[in-house]
Amino acid sequence: MALEVTDANFEQLVNSGKPMVLDFWAEWCGPCRMVGPVIDDLYEEYTGRVTIGKMDIDNNNDVVFKFGIRNIPTILFFKDGEVVDKLVGAAPKSAFVEKIDALLS
C-alpha cells in the first residue's frame, strides 16, 4: 500500500534524498480508483529506491494549491525535491514504470 502523504509530511518525504512519485486523488474520483492499484503495485516494486505515495486532495489543500492541481488523478514525479515530470489522467502501468526508471537513471 502506497504511503499516505499529507500537508504535514510532504516536505520531509519529498526531501528524503530518494525520488518521489505522488498520486493526487480523491475517493469520489473514478479514474483515481483505476490508478490506485497501479500505484500500490509500484510501491511494492520500488520500495527502498523510490518514495511512492498518495495524497487525498480533499484533505490537503496546501500542497494541492502549491502545485496547482486542477485535474485528478495527477501524478507528479520528483527528483531532488523538484517536479521533473507528470502524468494527468489514468495511464497504463508501463507509462509509470518508464517515468520512474527515468528518475532512477
N, C-alpha and C. Protein backbone atom coordinates (compact mmCIF):
# COMPACT_ATOMS: atom_id res chain seq x y z
N MET A 1 0.84 -1.18 0.00
CA MET A 1 0.00 0.00 0.00
C MET A 1 0.88 1.25 0.00
N ALA A 2 0.62 2.16 -0.89
CA ALA A 2 1.41 3.38 -1.01
C ALA A 2 1.33 4.21 0.27
N LEU A 3 2.33 5.02 0.50
CA LEU A 3 2.37 5.89 1.67
C LEU A 3 1.26 6.94 1.59
N GLU A 4 0.71 7.30 2.74
CA GLU A 4 -0.24 8.41 2.79
C GLU A 4 0.57 9.69 2.98
N VAL A 5 0.53 10.55 1.98
CA VAL A 5 1.25 11.82 2.03
C VAL A 5 0.24 12.90 2.39
N THR A 6 0.65 13.77 3.31
CA THR A 6 -0.22 14.85 3.78
C THR A 6 0.54 16.17 3.70
N ASP A 7 -0.19 17.27 3.93
CA ASP A 7 0.47 18.57 4.01
C ASP A 7 1.57 18.53 5.07
N ALA A 8 1.33 17.80 6.16
CA ALA A 8 2.26 17.76 7.29
C ALA A 8 3.55 17.01 6.99
N ASN A 9 3.50 15.93 6.20
CA ASN A 9 4.71 15.13 5.98
C ASN A 9 5.31 15.28 4.58
N PHE A 10 4.70 16.09 3.73
CA PHE A 10 5.15 16.23 2.34
C PHE A 10 6.61 16.65 2.25
N GLU A 11 6.98 17.74 2.92
CA GLU A 11 8.36 18.27 2.80
C GLU A 11 9.40 17.24 3.23
N GLN A 12 9.12 16.54 4.30
CA GLN A 12 10.05 15.51 4.78
C GLN A 12 10.22 14.41 3.74
N LEU A 13 9.11 13.95 3.16
CA LEU A 13 9.18 12.86 2.18
C LEU A 13 9.82 13.29 0.87
N VAL A 14 9.47 14.47 0.37
CA VAL A 14 9.99 14.91 -0.93
C VAL A 14 11.48 15.23 -0.85
N ASN A 15 11.95 15.56 0.34
CA ASN A 15 13.37 15.90 0.51
C ASN A 15 14.15 14.78 1.21
N SER A 16 13.67 13.54 1.08
CA SER A 16 14.30 12.40 1.76
C SER A 16 15.58 11.92 1.08
N GLY A 17 15.87 12.46 -0.12
CA GLY A 17 17.04 12.01 -0.86
C GLY A 17 16.71 10.97 -1.91
N LYS A 18 15.47 10.45 -1.87
CA LYS A 18 15.02 9.48 -2.87
C LYS A 18 14.06 10.17 -3.83
N PRO A 19 14.00 9.71 -5.07
CA PRO A 19 12.96 10.22 -5.96
C PRO A 19 11.58 9.91 -5.36
N MET A 20 10.58 10.71 -5.74
CA MET A 20 9.24 10.50 -5.20
C MET A 20 8.21 10.57 -6.31
N VAL A 21 7.22 9.69 -6.22
CA VAL A 21 6.06 9.68 -7.10
C VAL A 21 4.86 9.96 -6.22
N LEU A 22 4.10 11.00 -6.56
CA LEU A 22 2.96 11.39 -5.73
C LEU A 22 1.69 11.44 -6.56
N ASP A 23 0.74 10.61 -6.16
CA ASP A 23 -0.56 10.50 -6.82
C ASP A 23 -1.55 11.38 -6.07
N PHE A 24 -2.07 12.40 -6.74
CA PHE A 24 -3.12 13.24 -6.18
C PHE A 24 -4.45 12.62 -6.58
N TRP A 25 -5.29 12.30 -5.61
CA TRP A 25 -6.51 11.56 -5.85
C TRP A 25 -7.62 12.00 -4.90
N ALA A 26 -8.82 11.45 -5.12
CA ALA A 26 -9.95 11.64 -4.21
C ALA A 26 -10.81 10.39 -4.25
N GLU A 27 -11.46 10.11 -3.14
CA GLU A 27 -12.31 8.92 -3.01
C GLU A 27 -13.41 8.88 -4.07
N TRP A 28 -13.94 10.03 -4.42
CA TRP A 28 -15.08 10.12 -5.34
C TRP A 28 -14.68 10.08 -6.82
N CYS A 29 -13.41 9.98 -7.11
CA CYS A 29 -12.89 10.06 -8.48
C CYS A 29 -12.75 8.66 -9.10
N GLY A 30 -13.55 8.37 -10.13
CA GLY A 30 -13.50 7.07 -10.80
C GLY A 30 -12.14 6.73 -11.38
N PRO A 31 -11.55 7.60 -12.22
CA PRO A 31 -10.22 7.30 -12.77
C PRO A 31 -9.16 7.11 -11.68
N CYS A 32 -9.32 7.80 -10.56
CA CYS A 32 -8.36 7.64 -9.44
C CYS A 32 -8.41 6.21 -8.90
N ARG A 33 -9.61 5.64 -8.86
CA ARG A 33 -9.76 4.27 -8.37
C ARG A 33 -9.12 3.28 -9.34
N MET A 34 -9.04 3.64 -10.62
CA MET A 34 -8.36 2.77 -11.59
C MET A 34 -6.84 2.85 -11.42
N VAL A 35 -6.33 4.03 -11.11
CA VAL A 35 -4.88 4.23 -10.96
C VAL A 35 -4.38 3.71 -9.62
N GLY A 36 -5.21 3.73 -8.60
CA GLY A 36 -4.80 3.35 -7.25
C GLY A 36 -4.09 2.01 -7.15
N PRO A 37 -4.64 0.93 -7.72
CA PRO A 37 -3.94 -0.36 -7.63
C PRO A 37 -2.58 -0.36 -8.34
N VAL A 38 -2.45 0.41 -9.40
CA VAL A 38 -1.16 0.53 -10.10
C VAL A 38 -0.14 1.19 -9.18
N ILE A 39 -0.56 2.27 -8.51
CA ILE A 39 0.33 2.97 -7.57
C ILE A 39 0.76 2.02 -6.45
N ASP A 40 -0.18 1.24 -5.93
CA ASP A 40 0.15 0.28 -4.87
C ASP A 40 1.14 -0.78 -5.36
N ASP A 41 0.96 -1.27 -6.59
CA ASP A 41 1.92 -2.23 -7.17
C ASP A 41 3.31 -1.62 -7.30
N LEU A 42 3.35 -0.39 -7.77
CA LEU A 42 4.64 0.29 -7.95
C LEU A 42 5.33 0.50 -6.60
N TYR A 43 4.55 0.79 -5.58
CA TYR A 43 5.11 0.95 -4.23
C TYR A 43 5.85 -0.33 -3.83
N GLU A 44 5.22 -1.47 -4.06
CA GLU A 44 5.84 -2.76 -3.72
C GLU A 44 7.11 -2.99 -4.55
N GLU A 45 7.05 -2.69 -5.82
CA GLU A 45 8.18 -2.97 -6.72
C GLU A 45 9.38 -2.05 -6.49
N TYR A 46 9.14 -0.82 -6.07
CA TYR A 46 10.23 0.16 -5.97
C TYR A 46 10.57 0.52 -4.52
N THR A 47 10.06 -0.23 -3.54
CA THR A 47 10.35 0.03 -2.13
C THR A 47 11.86 0.11 -1.91
N GLY A 48 12.26 1.15 -1.19
CA GLY A 48 13.67 1.34 -0.89
C GLY A 48 14.41 2.18 -1.91
N ARG A 49 13.85 2.29 -3.12
CA ARG A 49 14.51 3.07 -4.16
C ARG A 49 13.76 4.36 -4.48
N VAL A 50 12.43 4.32 -4.39
CA VAL A 50 11.59 5.47 -4.73
C VAL A 50 10.49 5.58 -3.67
N THR A 51 10.23 6.79 -3.21
CA THR A 51 9.10 7.04 -2.32
C THR A 51 7.86 7.16 -3.19
N ILE A 52 6.87 6.31 -2.93
CA ILE A 52 5.63 6.34 -3.72
C ILE A 52 4.47 6.55 -2.77
N GLY A 53 3.73 7.64 -3.00
CA GLY A 53 2.64 7.97 -2.09
C GLY A 53 1.42 8.51 -2.79
N LYS A 54 0.36 8.64 -1.98
CA LYS A 54 -0.92 9.15 -2.46
C LYS A 54 -1.35 10.29 -1.55
N MET A 55 -1.88 11.35 -2.16
CA MET A 55 -2.37 12.49 -1.39
C MET A 55 -3.83 12.73 -1.73
N ASP A 56 -4.68 12.67 -0.71
CA ASP A 56 -6.10 12.95 -0.86
C ASP A 56 -6.28 14.46 -1.00
N ILE A 57 -6.75 14.90 -2.17
CA ILE A 57 -6.85 16.34 -2.43
C ILE A 57 -7.91 17.03 -1.56
N ASP A 58 -8.86 16.27 -1.05
CA ASP A 58 -9.92 16.87 -0.22
C ASP A 58 -9.43 17.22 1.18
N ASN A 59 -8.30 16.67 1.60
CA ASN A 59 -7.81 16.88 2.97
C ASN A 59 -6.45 17.56 3.04
N ASN A 60 -5.89 17.98 1.91
CA ASN A 60 -4.53 18.52 1.89
C ASN A 60 -4.43 19.70 0.92
N ASN A 61 -5.02 20.81 1.31
CA ASN A 61 -5.11 21.96 0.42
C ASN A 61 -3.77 22.63 0.13
N ASP A 62 -2.86 22.64 1.08
CA ASP A 62 -1.61 23.39 0.92
C ASP A 62 -0.77 22.87 -0.26
N VAL A 63 -0.50 21.58 -0.29
CA VAL A 63 0.33 21.01 -1.35
C VAL A 63 -0.43 21.03 -2.68
N VAL A 64 -1.72 20.75 -2.64
CA VAL A 64 -2.55 20.78 -3.86
C VAL A 64 -2.48 22.17 -4.47
N PHE A 65 -2.61 23.21 -3.66
CA PHE A 65 -2.56 24.59 -4.15
C PHE A 65 -1.15 24.93 -4.65
N LYS A 66 -0.13 24.50 -3.91
CA LYS A 66 1.26 24.80 -4.28
C LYS A 66 1.58 24.33 -5.70
N PHE A 67 1.06 23.16 -6.08
CA PHE A 67 1.37 22.61 -7.39
C PHE A 67 0.26 22.81 -8.41
N GLY A 68 -0.77 23.57 -8.05
CA GLY A 68 -1.83 23.92 -8.99
C GLY A 68 -2.58 22.72 -9.53
N ILE A 69 -2.84 21.74 -8.67
CA ILE A 69 -3.54 20.54 -9.10
C ILE A 69 -5.01 20.88 -9.37
N ARG A 70 -5.44 20.74 -10.61
CA ARG A 70 -6.81 21.05 -11.00
C ARG A 70 -7.57 19.83 -11.49
N ASN A 71 -6.86 18.85 -12.01
CA ASN A 71 -7.47 17.62 -12.52
C ASN A 71 -6.88 16.44 -11.78
N ILE A 72 -7.72 15.43 -11.53
CA ILE A 72 -7.22 14.22 -10.89
C ILE A 72 -7.68 13.01 -11.67
N PRO A 73 -6.92 11.95 -11.66
CA PRO A 73 -5.65 11.85 -10.96
C PRO A 73 -4.54 12.63 -11.68
N THR A 74 -3.70 13.26 -10.88
CA THR A 74 -2.46 13.85 -11.38
C THR A 74 -1.33 13.19 -10.59
N ILE A 75 -0.33 12.73 -11.28
CA ILE A 75 0.82 12.10 -10.65
C ILE A 75 2.04 12.94 -10.95
N LEU A 76 2.69 13.42 -9.89
CA LEU A 76 3.91 14.21 -10.04
C LEU A 76 5.11 13.34 -9.71
N PHE A 77 6.18 13.54 -10.47
CA PHE A 77 7.43 12.80 -10.30
C PHE A 77 8.49 13.80 -9.84
N PHE A 78 9.07 13.56 -8.67
CA PHE A 78 10.04 14.47 -8.07
C PHE A 78 11.42 13.84 -8.05
N LYS A 79 12.42 14.69 -8.30
CA LYS A 79 13.82 14.29 -8.12
C LYS A 79 14.53 15.46 -7.46
N ASP A 80 15.27 15.18 -6.41
CA ASP A 80 15.95 16.22 -5.63
C ASP A 80 14.97 17.30 -5.17
N GLY A 81 13.76 16.88 -4.82
CA GLY A 81 12.76 17.80 -4.29
C GLY A 81 12.03 18.65 -5.31
N GLU A 82 12.34 18.47 -6.60
CA GLU A 82 11.73 19.27 -7.66
C GLU A 82 10.89 18.39 -8.58
N VAL A 83 9.79 18.95 -9.10
CA VAL A 83 8.97 18.23 -10.07
C VAL A 83 9.74 18.14 -11.38
N VAL A 84 9.90 16.91 -11.88
CA VAL A 84 10.61 16.71 -13.14
C VAL A 84 9.72 16.12 -14.23
N ASP A 85 8.54 15.62 -13.83
CA ASP A 85 7.64 15.04 -14.82
C ASP A 85 6.26 14.93 -14.20
N LYS A 86 5.24 14.69 -15.05
CA LYS A 86 3.90 14.47 -14.52
C LYS A 86 3.05 13.71 -15.51
N LEU A 87 2.03 13.06 -14.97
CA LEU A 87 1.01 12.38 -15.75
C LEU A 87 -0.34 12.89 -15.25
N VAL A 88 -1.26 13.17 -16.16
CA VAL A 88 -2.60 13.57 -15.77
C VAL A 88 -3.57 12.57 -16.39
N GLY A 89 -4.44 12.03 -15.54
CA GLY A 89 -5.41 11.04 -16.01
C GLY A 89 -4.89 9.63 -15.83
N ALA A 90 -5.78 8.68 -16.11
CA ALA A 90 -5.41 7.27 -16.00
C ALA A 90 -4.42 6.92 -17.11
N ALA A 91 -3.45 6.09 -16.76
CA ALA A 91 -2.44 5.66 -17.73
C ALA A 91 -2.07 4.22 -17.41
N PRO A 92 -1.54 3.49 -18.40
CA PRO A 92 -1.13 2.11 -18.14
C PRO A 92 0.11 2.06 -17.24
N LYS A 93 0.28 0.94 -16.57
CA LYS A 93 1.41 0.78 -15.66
C LYS A 93 2.73 1.04 -16.37
N SER A 94 2.83 0.65 -17.64
CA SER A 94 4.09 0.83 -18.38
C SER A 94 4.49 2.30 -18.45
N ALA A 95 3.51 3.22 -18.51
CA ALA A 95 3.82 4.65 -18.56
C ALA A 95 4.46 5.10 -17.24
N PHE A 96 3.98 4.56 -16.13
CA PHE A 96 4.55 4.90 -14.82
C PHE A 96 5.95 4.32 -14.69
N VAL A 97 6.12 3.07 -15.09
CA VAL A 97 7.42 2.41 -14.99
C VAL A 97 8.47 3.18 -15.80
N GLU A 98 8.11 3.61 -16.98
CA GLU A 98 9.04 4.36 -17.83
C GLU A 98 9.49 5.65 -17.14
N LYS A 99 8.54 6.36 -16.55
CA LYS A 99 8.89 7.63 -15.87
C LYS A 99 9.68 7.39 -14.59
N ILE A 100 9.34 6.34 -13.86
CA ILE A 100 10.09 6.03 -12.62
C ILE A 100 11.50 5.60 -12.97
N ASP A 101 11.65 4.76 -13.98
CA ASP A 101 13.01 4.34 -14.37
C ASP A 101 13.86 5.53 -14.80
N ALA A 102 13.24 6.52 -15.43
CA ALA A 102 13.96 7.74 -15.82
C ALA A 102 14.42 8.50 -14.56
N LEU A 103 13.62 8.48 -13.50
CA LEU A 103 14.02 9.13 -12.25
C LEU A 103 15.26 8.47 -11.66
N LEU A 104 15.36 7.18 -11.85
CA LEU A 104 16.45 6.41 -11.24
C LEU A 104 17.73 6.42 -12.07
N SER A 105 17.66 6.92 -13.30
CA SER A 105 18.86 6.88 -14.14
C SER A 105 19.71 8.12 -13.98
